[in-house]
Amino acid sequence: MKEKLLALLLFSIGHALTWANVYGQFAWDFWKGKAVLAACIYAIPTSLLFWYGSKVCYESTGGAWGVRLLGFSASYFVFPFMTQIFLKESMFEPKTMVCILLSFLIIAVQMLWD
């Protein structure tokens, strides 16, 4: 369980950096038109977070599907909150709330099913 929590943390930080890389141009004027700078700054740390998160998760779950599902679900753990905070777009839409709930269920299955 400790390893899965570490993987979830690494994936979540990776998704937060990915959000800043991709959506920062809409949230902060500084990033408008600076795609190459954003890619140079965020690419290596984001890649390392996902690489190590995948390594830890694979060793913990014994398969690629656990990595994929936990990594995917972590994105829905991060994206709605960052979008709400920085872009002021509500996550409280029926379709979005169902997707968030399903992601939490996927995380629970991946964490608790052994």
Protein backbone atom coordinates (compact mmCIF):
# COMPACT_ATOMS: atom_id res chain seq x y z
CA MET A 1 0.00 0.00 0.00
CA LYS A 2 2.88 2.39 0.82
CA GLU A 3 4.36 1.91 -2.66
CA LYS A 4 0.99 2.56 -4.32
CA LEU A 5 0.60 5.77 -2.33
CA LEU A 6 4.07 6.85 -3.44
CA ALA A 7 3.17 6.06 -7.06
CA LEU A 8 -0.08 8.03 -6.71
CA LEU A 9 1.87 10.99 -5.30
CA LEU A 10 4.43 10.87 -8.13
CA PHE A 11 1.68 10.61 -10.76
CA SER A 12 -0.28 13.46 -9.15
CA ILE A 13 2.73 15.79 -9.10
CA GLY A 14 3.48 14.80 -12.70
CA HIS A 15 -0.08 15.64 -13.73
CA ALA A 16 0.09 18.96 -11.87
CA LEU A 17 3.24 19.90 -13.78
CA THR A 18 1.66 18.73 -17.03
CA TRP A 19 -1.37 20.91 -16.28
CA ALA A 20 0.91 23.92 -15.70
CA ASN A 21 2.78 23.14 -18.93
CA VAL A 22 -0.31 22.83 -21.12
CA TYR A 23 -2.86 25.13 -19.45
CA GLY A 24 -0.47 27.68 -17.97
CA GLN A 25 -0.82 29.69 -21.16
CA PHE A 26 -4.47 30.28 -20.27
CA ALA A 27 -3.94 30.83 -16.55
CA TRP A 28 -0.93 33.15 -16.52
CA ASP A 29 -0.01 35.83 -19.07
CA PHE A 30 3.68 35.04 -18.66
CA TRP A 31 3.27 31.69 -20.47
CA LYS A 32 1.37 32.99 -23.51
CA GLY A 33 3.38 32.20 -26.65
CA LYS A 34 6.18 30.46 -24.75
CA ALA A 35 5.58 26.85 -25.74
CA VAL A 36 9.26 25.97 -26.19
CA LEU A 37 10.24 27.51 -22.84
CA ALA A 38 7.41 25.66 -21.09
CA ALA A 39 8.43 22.40 -22.76
CA CYS A 40 12.09 22.88 -21.76
CA ILE A 41 11.22 23.65 -18.15
CA TYR A 42 8.55 21.01 -17.57
CA ALA A 43 9.62 18.10 -19.80
CA ILE A 44 12.40 16.55 -17.72
CA PRO A 45 10.80 16.76 -14.25
CA THR A 46 7.46 15.58 -15.59
CA SER A 47 9.02 12.66 -17.45
CA LEU A 48 11.00 11.61 -14.38
CA LEU A 49 7.93 11.75 -12.14
CA PHE A 50 5.95 9.54 -14.52
CA TRP A 51 8.91 7.21 -15.08
CA TYR A 52 9.51 6.65 -11.37
CA GLY A 53 5.79 6.55 -10.61
CA SER A 54 5.41 3.83 -13.24
CA LYS A 55 8.40 1.92 -11.85
CA VAL A 56 7.10 1.99 -8.27
CA CYS A 57 3.54 1.14 -9.33
CA TYR A 58 4.62 -1.70 -11.64
CA GLU A 59 6.73 -3.26 -8.89
CA SER A 60 3.82 -2.92 -6.47
CA THR A 61 1.05 -4.21 -8.74
CA GLY A 62 3.04 -6.59 -10.93
CA GLY A 63 1.56 -5.37 -14.18
CA ALA A 64 1.17 -2.52 -16.64
CA TRP A 65 -2.61 -2.26 -16.21
CA GLY A 66 -2.27 -1.16 -12.59
CA VAL A 67 0.18 1.52 -13.69
CA ARG A 68 -2.08 2.73 -16.47
CA LEU A 69 -5.25 2.86 -14.40
CA LEU A 70 -3.67 4.51 -11.37
CA GLY A 71 -1.86 7.04 -13.57
CA PHE A 72 -5.04 7.85 -15.51
CA SER A 73 -7.08 8.22 -12.36
CA ALA A 74 -4.48 10.49 -10.81
CA SER A 75 -5.06 12.90 -13.71
CA TYR A 76 -8.70 13.24 -12.72
CA PHE A 77 -7.57 13.68 -9.13
CA VAL A 78 -5.52 16.76 -10.18
CA PHE A 79 -7.06 18.31 -13.31
CA PRO A 80 -10.49 19.36 -11.96
CA PHE A 81 -9.03 21.06 -8.92
CA MET A 82 -6.32 22.95 -10.78
CA THR A 83 -8.80 23.99 -13.47
CA GLN A 84 -11.25 25.20 -10.81
CA ILE A 85 -8.55 27.14 -8.93
CA PHE A 86 -6.57 28.68 -11.78
CA LEU A 87 -9.03 28.93 -14.68
CA LYS A 88 -12.19 29.40 -12.60
CA GLU A 89 -13.98 26.69 -14.58
CA SER A 90 -16.40 24.77 -12.44
CA MET A 91 -15.92 21.07 -11.94
CA PHE A 92 -19.47 20.85 -10.62
CA GLU A 93 -21.06 19.73 -13.88
CA PRO A 94 -22.86 16.36 -13.88
CA LYS A 95 -20.59 14.71 -16.46
CA THR A 96 -17.43 15.99 -14.77
CA MET A 97 -18.58 14.89 -11.32
CA VAL A 98 -19.36 11.38 -12.59
CA CYS A 99 -15.89 11.15 -14.18
CA ILE A 100 -14.24 12.33 -10.96
CA LEU A 101 -16.24 9.80 -8.94
CA LEU A 102 -15.27 7.00 -11.33
CA SER A 103 -11.62 8.01 -11.06
CA PHE A 104 -11.78 7.86 -7.27
CA LEU A 105 -13.35 4.41 -7.57
CA ILE A 106 -10.56 3.28 -9.90
CA ILE A 107 -7.98 4.59 -7.41
CA ALA A 108 -9.73 2.73 -4.59
CA VAL A 109 -9.78 -0.53 -6.59
CA GLN A 110 -6.09 -0.19 -7.49
CA MET A 111 -5.11 0.63 -3.89
CA LEU A 112 -7.22 -1.89 -2.05
CA TRP A 113 -7.53 -4.90 -4.37
CA ASP A 114 -4.83 -7.43 -3.61
